[in-house]
Amino acid sequence: MTVDAHQIAESLKADPFYVDQSAAGTLDTRLFDKAKTTAQGLDFKVYVIAVDDKAVDLDLLREVAADHGGQGTFIMVSNTSDLYTEVKLEDDHDLAMQVMDQNSIAHSQWNVETPSMSKLNKLLNLYADPQTRTESGESTTGQEAPGSDFAEDSNSGSFSPMFLGGAVLVLALVIAGLYLARTIKGSMTERRRHREFRLPSKLLDRVDTLQRESLRDDINDDTNRIAEKIDHLQTQNLDEAQAAKVAKALDAYQISRRIVDDKDSERIDLAGAMVLLRQAGREIAEVGAGKTKKSGTRGRSKLPQSLCTINPLHGEAQSTTRLDADGSGVRVPVCGSCQHDRQAGNQLQWIFDGDKPYVEGTSIWATTLFGAIGGDLVAALHRQGQA
């Protein structure tokens, strides 16, 4: 069934949340309703379009936004893990930039296979409570994270009795009371200063650990699916070219599996594992598309797209852009947010390798830009003895 952009645009004028028949009954209604509630509290319009994963398309979203003609953010989600945005806020440049920044932060915080409804709610929460990026690339609202891990650094529990004690002393002896109050204030200031230097490292370590655990969970799901597909294809009657693709997919899968199983793998290595799995998935899809074509079945194959070169955790690439990574201009796949940053002259949100953007390092991920340059990534890993 063809999705009609004009029909969607007209529907959005009556209700900013549109669910196409192709996606009806397949969405998490609880999360969808939660998104509606959040959107209603924003000070700008948000239009949400839900379709199935066969109809989701960035060009369709842009066509809907143009046909609608209204100001706001247009978001298209699928019933799986796709999410696209189109910002139409020409009348308020500052707000448009803020929304673009929140889109970029959201991309850096969710994983490729995060369900679209979860992505939608995360994005709307950022719209409602905008975050800013620190120099390290992390995002923050300026609030300390709650939790017992930081209880030993808090002075809030001891302030009230100390203050009351100071008040009593002031009544009894003004000079002694002022001295005590000054001493307490100086002590609290010093402790607060120490806490400001302690919390970021603890908090960032905690966030990094949680992100890596979440990445491992998502990648494990992917590797299981890829393994099943490879096992199935290995039992099929394949020609030489198809068998070579399956072997290549198996190689990429095995390397990614080793990365995930290594507890010392850093976040950037797990991102590399995602790229390898995407490569394996594409090889498998090409074999499947070839078998379908041979059987005479018609239809547009939807091969897995490359991940964003700037940061694979941003998700699928929507276009390509030119980078001067090796002194000569090379075109690499990038997500929508990174393409916007490139065109606007903004700083690109590279994934970090240690304390600097990975592209400034010498890792295999940097020298190949996650396989975007220099030929086959699996072959490059073998040449460097990392496979």
Protein backbone atom coordinates (compact mmCIF):
# COMPACT_ATOMS: atom_id res chain seq x y z
CA MET A 1 0.00 0.00 0.00
CA THR A 2 1.38 3.43 -1.02
CA VAL A 3 1.58 6.06 1.70
CA ASP A 4 0.24 9.41 0.46
CA ALA A 5 2.21 12.46 1.66
CA HIS A 6 -0.64 14.91 1.02
CA GLN A 7 -3.11 12.79 2.97
CA ILE A 8 -0.71 12.63 5.93
CA ALA A 9 -0.10 16.39 5.79
CA GLU A 10 -3.84 17.11 5.87
CA SER A 11 -4.36 14.69 8.76
CA LEU A 12 -1.60 16.38 10.78
CA LYS A 13 -3.49 19.67 10.59
CA ALA A 14 -6.28 18.07 12.61
CA ASP A 15 -4.16 15.80 14.82
CA PRO A 16 -0.34 16.21 15.17
CA PHE A 17 0.04 12.46 15.77
CA TYR A 18 -0.70 10.35 12.69
CA VAL A 19 -0.70 6.55 12.60
CA ASP A 20 -0.81 4.98 9.15
CA GLN A 21 -2.88 1.85 8.60
CA SER A 22 0.33 -0.05 7.86
CA ALA A 23 1.49 0.53 11.47
CA ALA A 24 -1.89 0.29 13.22
CA GLY A 25 -1.83 -2.27 16.02
CA THR A 26 1.96 -2.71 15.89
CA LEU A 27 3.03 0.22 18.11
CA ASP A 28 3.58 0.29 21.85
CA THR A 29 0.46 2.28 22.75
CA ARG A 30 1.73 3.12 26.24
CA LEU A 31 4.88 4.77 24.89
CA PHE A 32 2.94 6.40 22.06
CA ASP A 33 0.48 7.97 24.53
CA LYS A 34 3.39 9.07 26.71
CA ALA A 35 4.93 10.81 23.71
CA LYS A 36 1.65 12.64 23.05
CA THR A 37 1.56 13.92 26.62
CA THR A 38 5.15 15.17 26.43
CA ALA A 39 4.59 16.86 23.07
CA GLN A 40 1.57 18.75 24.40
CA GLY A 41 3.76 20.44 27.01
CA LEU A 42 6.33 21.80 24.51
CA ASP A 43 6.42 25.44 23.43
CA PHE A 44 6.68 24.50 19.76
CA LYS A 45 4.75 22.13 17.53
CA VAL A 46 5.82 18.52 17.09
CA TYR A 47 4.23 16.37 14.40
CA VAL A 48 4.67 12.59 14.60
CA ILE A 49 4.05 10.16 11.74
CA ALA A 50 4.05 6.42 12.42
CA VAL A 51 4.35 3.98 9.50
CA ASP A 52 5.63 0.43 9.12
CA ASP A 53 9.30 -0.27 8.39
CA LYS A 54 8.62 -0.73 4.67
CA ALA A 55 7.12 2.74 4.29
CA VAL A 56 9.44 4.79 6.50
CA ASP A 57 11.43 7.17 4.33
CA LEU A 58 13.22 10.49 4.89
CA ASP A 59 12.15 11.84 1.50
CA LEU A 60 8.52 11.06 2.36
CA LEU A 61 8.91 12.91 5.66
CA ARG A 62 10.31 15.97 3.89
CA GLU A 63 7.48 15.87 1.38
CA VAL A 64 4.92 15.76 4.19
CA ALA A 65 6.56 18.69 5.98
CA ALA A 66 6.64 20.77 2.78
CA ASP A 67 3.01 19.95 1.97
CA HIS A 68 1.90 20.75 5.53
CA GLY A 69 3.60 24.14 5.49
CA GLY A 70 3.56 24.58 9.27
CA GLN A 71 6.36 25.47 11.67
CA GLY A 72 7.66 22.78 14.00
CA THR A 73 9.54 19.50 14.10
CA PHE A 74 8.29 16.63 11.96
CA ILE A 75 9.24 13.15 13.18
CA MET A 76 8.68 9.87 11.33
CA VAL A 77 8.90 6.58 13.23
CA SER A 78 8.44 2.99 12.19
CA ASN A 79 7.11 0.00 14.09
CA THR A 80 10.70 -1.25 14.49
CA SER A 81 13.68 1.05 15.16
CA ASP A 82 13.61 3.78 12.49
CA LEU A 83 13.31 7.47 13.36
CA TYR A 84 13.79 10.47 11.05
CA THR A 85 13.41 14.17 11.80
CA GLU A 86 12.79 17.26 9.69
CA VAL A 87 13.02 20.64 11.44
CA LYS A 88 10.88 23.46 10.04
CA LEU A 89 11.50 26.43 12.32
CA GLU A 90 12.66 29.13 9.91
CA ASP A 91 10.85 31.82 11.93
CA ASP A 92 12.97 31.16 15.05
CA HIS A 93 16.61 30.47 14.23
CA ASP A 94 17.73 30.05 17.87
CA LEU A 95 14.99 27.52 18.56
CA ALA A 96 15.85 25.67 15.35
CA MET A 97 19.50 25.40 16.44
CA GLN A 98 18.44 24.18 19.89
CA VAL A 99 16.23 21.49 18.37
CA MET A 100 19.04 20.44 16.03
CA ASP A 101 21.38 20.14 19.01
CA GLN A 102 18.90 17.96 20.90
CA ASN A 103 18.51 15.75 17.81
CA SER A 104 22.28 15.26 17.75
CA ILE A 105 22.44 14.51 21.49
CA ALA A 106 19.61 11.98 21.16
CA HIS A 107 21.47 10.19 18.33
CA SER A 108 24.55 9.92 20.53
CA GLN A 109 22.57 8.43 23.43
CA TRP A 110 20.49 5.73 21.78
CA ASN A 111 21.68 2.65 19.92
CA VAL A 112 20.93 1.62 16.35
CA GLU A 113 18.44 -1.07 17.32
CA THR A 114 16.70 0.92 20.08
CA PRO A 115 12.92 0.67 19.41
CA SER A 116 11.55 3.73 17.64
CA MET A 117 9.02 4.44 20.41
CA SER A 118 11.82 4.59 22.96
CA LYS A 119 13.82 6.86 20.65
CA LEU A 120 10.78 9.11 20.20
CA ASN A 121 10.23 9.52 23.93
CA LYS A 122 13.93 10.16 24.55
CA LEU A 123 13.94 12.85 21.88
CA LEU A 124 10.79 14.54 23.19
CA ASN A 125 12.20 14.48 26.73
CA LEU A 126 15.26 16.32 25.41
CA TYR A 127 13.00 18.87 23.72
CA ALA A 128 11.23 19.40 27.06
CA ASP A 129 14.48 19.56 29.07
CA PRO A 130 17.27 20.59 26.65
CA GLN A 131 20.79 19.40 27.38
CA THR A 132 24.14 20.89 26.40
CA ARG A 133 27.33 19.12 25.39
CA THR A 134 30.52 19.34 27.41
CA GLU A 135 33.93 19.44 25.75
CA SER A 136 34.24 15.68 26.20
CA GLY A 137 31.17 15.12 24.06
CA GLU A 138 28.94 14.08 26.97
CA SER A 139 25.62 15.84 27.53
CA THR A 140 24.40 17.36 30.75
CA THR A 141 21.49 19.31 32.19
CA GLY A 142 23.65 20.76 34.95
CA GLN A 143 22.04 18.53 37.58
CA GLU A 144 23.82 15.90 39.63
CA ALA A 145 22.63 12.37 39.07
CA PRO A 146 20.72 10.93 42.02
CA GLY A 147 21.81 7.69 43.64
CA SER A 148 23.47 6.19 46.67
CA ASP A 149 26.85 6.14 44.88
CA PHE A 150 27.27 9.81 45.70
CA ALA A 151 25.80 9.86 49.20
CA GLU A 152 29.18 10.22 50.85
CA ASP A 153 29.80 13.52 49.01
CA SER A 154 26.58 15.22 50.12
CA ASN A 155 26.51 17.75 52.96
CA SER A 156 22.76 18.40 52.88
CA GLY A 157 22.00 16.08 55.81
CA SER A 158 24.39 17.82 58.20
CA PHE A 159 23.71 21.46 57.30
CA SER A 160 20.43 21.97 59.21
CA PRO A 161 21.59 20.96 62.73
CA MET A 162 24.87 22.76 62.24
CA PHE A 163 23.01 25.89 61.19
CA LEU A 164 20.69 25.66 64.22
CA GLY A 165 23.68 25.14 66.48
CA GLY A 166 25.27 28.23 64.95
CA ALA A 167 22.08 30.23 65.55
CA VAL A 168 22.07 29.24 69.24
CA LEU A 169 25.70 30.28 69.57
CA VAL A 170 24.96 33.59 67.89
CA LEU A 171 22.27 34.27 70.48
CA ALA A 172 24.64 33.35 73.29
CA LEU A 173 27.84 34.86 71.97
CA VAL A 174 27.76 36.92 68.75
CA ILE A 175 31.47 36.86 68.09
CA ALA A 176 31.84 33.12 68.65
CA GLY A 177 28.75 32.48 66.53
CA LEU A 178 30.06 34.51 63.59
CA TYR A 179 33.39 32.73 63.82
CA LEU A 180 31.69 29.33 63.83
CA ALA A 181 29.46 30.25 60.92
CA ARG A 182 32.47 31.45 58.93
CA THR A 183 34.33 28.21 59.71
CA ILE A 184 31.37 26.06 58.68
CA LYS A 185 30.87 28.03 55.47
CA GLY A 186 34.54 27.71 54.59
CA SER A 187 34.47 23.97 55.26
CA MET A 188 31.34 23.48 53.17
CA THR A 189 32.81 25.51 50.31
CA GLU A 190 35.97 23.42 50.37
CA ARG A 191 33.99 20.16 50.42
CA ARG A 192 31.78 21.41 47.59
CA ARG A 193 34.89 22.27 45.57
CA HIS A 194 36.27 18.76 46.11
CA ARG A 195 32.91 17.27 45.15
CA GLU A 196 32.85 19.23 41.90
CA PHE A 197 36.14 17.65 40.94
CA ARG A 198 35.15 14.14 42.10
CA LEU A 199 31.69 13.75 40.62
CA PRO A 200 32.40 14.12 36.91
CA SER A 201 34.92 11.26 36.77
CA LYS A 202 32.67 8.98 38.84
CA LEU A 203 29.61 9.94 36.87
CA LEU A 204 31.31 9.55 33.50
CA ASP A 205 32.72 6.16 34.50
CA ARG A 206 29.24 5.06 35.54
CA VAL A 207 27.66 6.34 32.32
CA ASP A 208 30.36 4.75 30.18
CA THR A 209 29.89 1.38 31.93
CA LEU A 210 26.12 1.52 31.50
CA GLN A 211 26.46 2.51 27.84
CA ARG A 212 28.84 -0.35 27.15
CA GLU A 213 26.53 -2.82 28.90
CA SER A 214 23.58 -1.52 26.87
CA LEU A 215 25.62 -1.74 23.66
CA ARG A 216 26.59 -5.32 24.46
CA ASP A 217 22.94 -6.26 25.00
CA ASP A 218 21.91 -4.76 21.67
CA ILE A 219 24.87 -6.25 19.79
CA ASN A 220 24.23 -9.69 21.32
CA ASP A 221 20.70 -9.57 19.92
CA ASP A 222 22.12 -8.68 16.50
CA THR A 223 24.77 -11.39 16.58
CA ASN A 224 22.17 -14.03 17.42
CA ARG A 225 20.02 -12.98 14.46
CA ILE A 226 23.01 -12.89 12.12
CA ALA A 227 24.19 -16.32 13.32
CA GLU A 228 20.76 -17.84 12.60
CA LYS A 229 20.74 -16.37 9.09
CA ILE A 230 24.26 -17.60 8.36
CA ASP A 231 23.41 -21.11 9.61
CA HIS A 232 20.36 -21.12 7.36
CA LEU A 233 22.24 -19.94 4.27
CA GLN A 234 25.04 -22.46 4.78
CA THR A 235 22.48 -25.24 4.26
CA GLN A 236 21.29 -23.75 0.95
CA ASN A 237 22.43 -24.54 -2.55
CA LEU A 238 24.59 -21.49 -3.22
CA ASP A 239 26.73 -20.63 -6.21
CA GLU A 240 30.39 -19.65 -5.79
CA ALA A 241 29.74 -15.90 -5.50
CA GLN A 242 26.96 -16.38 -2.94
CA ALA A 243 29.07 -18.80 -0.91
CA ALA A 244 31.89 -16.22 -0.85
CA LYS A 245 29.49 -13.59 0.52
CA VAL A 246 28.28 -15.95 3.24
CA ALA A 247 31.89 -16.73 4.18
CA LYS A 248 32.64 -13.01 4.36
CA ALA A 249 29.56 -12.45 6.53
CA LEU A 250 30.67 -15.26 8.83
CA ASP A 251 34.13 -13.69 9.13
CA ALA A 252 32.69 -10.29 10.07
CA TYR A 253 30.32 -11.94 12.54
CA GLN A 254 33.10 -13.89 14.26
CA ILE A 255 35.29 -10.79 14.69
CA SER A 256 32.40 -8.78 16.14
CA ARG A 257 31.58 -11.66 18.47
CA ARG A 258 35.14 -11.65 19.83
CA ILE A 259 35.00 -7.89 20.39
CA VAL A 260 31.73 -8.16 22.32
CA ASP A 261 32.97 -11.07 24.43
CA ASP A 262 36.13 -9.17 25.40
CA LYS A 263 35.27 -7.38 28.66
CA ASP A 264 38.10 -4.89 28.03
CA SER A 265 36.57 -3.67 24.76
CA GLU A 266 36.01 0.07 24.80
CA ARG A 267 32.93 1.89 23.55
CA ILE A 268 34.62 2.62 20.22
CA ASP A 269 35.45 -1.08 19.76
CA LEU A 270 31.80 -1.98 20.36
CA ALA A 271 30.87 0.61 17.74
CA GLY A 272 33.28 -1.18 15.40
CA ALA A 273 31.52 -4.46 16.20
CA MET A 274 28.23 -2.85 15.15
CA VAL A 275 29.78 -1.80 11.84
CA LEU A 276 31.03 -5.36 11.27
CA LEU A 277 27.58 -6.80 12.02
CA ARG A 278 26.02 -4.33 9.61
CA GLN A 279 28.51 -5.49 6.97
CA ALA A 280 27.62 -9.12 7.68
CA GLY A 281 23.93 -8.27 7.45
CA ARG A 282 24.44 -6.60 4.09
CA GLU A 283 26.35 -9.58 2.67
CA ILE A 284 23.53 -11.87 3.80
CA ALA A 285 20.86 -9.54 2.40
CA GLU A 286 22.63 -9.43 -0.97
CA VAL A 287 22.64 -13.23 -1.10
CA GLY A 288 18.94 -13.25 -0.24
CA ALA A 289 18.20 -10.58 -2.83
CA GLY A 290 20.08 -12.59 -5.46
CA LYS A 291 18.10 -15.74 -4.68
CA THR A 292 14.84 -13.77 -4.80
CA LYS A 293 15.76 -12.24 -8.14
CA LYS A 294 16.63 -15.65 -9.55
CA SER A 295 13.30 -17.06 -8.45
CA GLY A 296 11.53 -14.37 -10.45
CA THR A 297 10.01 -12.54 -7.49
CA ARG A 298 9.79 -8.81 -8.12
CA GLY A 299 10.14 -6.08 -5.52
CA ARG A 300 12.56 -3.51 -4.20
CA SER A 301 15.20 -5.03 -1.95
CA LYS A 302 15.94 -3.05 1.16
CA LEU A 303 19.59 -3.72 1.93
CA PRO A 304 21.01 -2.58 5.28
CA GLN A 305 22.55 0.87 4.95
CA SER A 306 26.00 1.85 6.24
CA LEU A 307 26.24 3.35 9.71
CA CYS A 308 27.30 6.94 10.33
CA THR A 309 31.07 7.33 9.89
CA ILE A 310 31.28 10.19 12.41
CA ASN A 311 29.74 8.01 15.10
CA PRO A 312 28.23 4.60 14.23
CA LEU A 313 26.04 4.87 17.34
CA HIS A 314 24.14 7.67 15.56
CA GLY A 315 22.53 4.98 13.41
CA GLU A 316 22.07 4.55 9.67
CA ALA A 317 23.59 7.02 7.24
CA GLN A 318 21.15 9.20 5.32
CA SER A 319 23.63 10.71 2.86
CA THR A 320 27.33 11.16 2.17
CA THR A 321 29.61 14.11 2.84
CA ARG A 322 33.17 15.01 1.98
CA LEU A 323 35.87 14.75 4.65
CA ASP A 324 39.57 15.56 4.47
CA ALA A 325 40.55 12.61 6.61
CA ASP A 326 43.71 11.73 4.69
CA GLY A 327 44.56 15.04 3.03
CA SER A 328 42.31 14.36 0.04
CA GLY A 329 38.59 14.78 -0.02
CA VAL A 330 36.76 11.50 0.49
CA ARG A 331 33.01 11.02 0.65
CA VAL A 332 31.75 8.98 3.59
CA PRO A 333 28.27 7.98 4.81
CA VAL A 334 26.83 10.17 7.59
CA CYS A 335 23.56 10.45 9.50
CA GLY A 336 21.14 13.34 9.04
CA SER A 337 22.37 15.23 12.12
CA CYS A 338 26.02 15.02 11.09
CA GLN A 339 25.15 16.13 7.57
CA HIS A 340 23.39 19.16 9.04
CA ASP A 341 26.40 19.92 11.26
CA ARG A 342 28.69 19.66 8.24
CA GLN A 343 26.58 21.98 6.11
CA ALA A 344 26.12 24.48 8.96
CA GLY A 345 29.83 24.52 9.77
CA ASN A 346 29.21 23.09 13.25
CA GLN A 347 31.67 20.89 15.11
CA LEU A 348 31.12 17.26 14.14
CA GLN A 349 30.08 14.97 17.00
CA TRP A 350 32.77 12.30 16.55
CA ILE A 351 32.74 9.25 18.77
CA PHE A 352 35.67 9.52 21.16
CA ASP A 353 38.61 7.15 21.46
CA GLY A 354 39.86 7.87 24.96
CA ASP A 355 39.93 11.63 25.40
CA LYS A 356 39.86 12.71 21.76
CA PRO A 357 37.80 12.15 18.59
CA TYR A 358 38.65 8.73 17.19
CA VAL A 359 39.65 10.20 13.81
CA GLU A 360 42.66 11.86 15.49
CA GLY A 361 44.01 8.50 16.64
CA THR A 362 45.85 5.65 14.95
CA SER A 363 43.44 2.76 15.59
CA ILE A 364 42.14 0.56 12.80
CA TRP A 365 38.82 2.37 13.15
CA ALA A 366 40.57 5.71 12.52
CA THR A 367 42.76 4.60 9.60
CA THR A 368 39.76 3.07 7.80
CA LEU A 369 37.06 5.45 9.11
CA PHE A 370 35.14 2.34 10.21
CA GLY A 371 35.61 0.78 6.78
CA ALA A 372 34.51 3.84 4.78
CA ILE A 373 37.97 4.15 3.17
CA GLY A 374 40.85 1.84 2.42
CA GLY A 375 38.91 -1.17 1.15
CA ASP A 376 37.39 -4.04 3.10
CA LEU A 377 37.31 -3.57 6.90
CA VAL A 378 37.52 -7.29 7.67
CA ALA A 379 40.59 -7.62 5.45
CA ALA A 380 42.16 -4.59 7.15
CA LEU A 381 41.58 -6.16 10.57
CA HIS A 382 43.24 -9.38 9.40
CA ARG A 383 46.25 -7.44 8.01
CA GLN A 384 46.80 -5.76 11.38
CA GLY A 385 46.35 -9.01 13.26
CA GLN A 386 43.26 -7.78 15.12
CA ALA A 387 40.87 -10.35 13.69
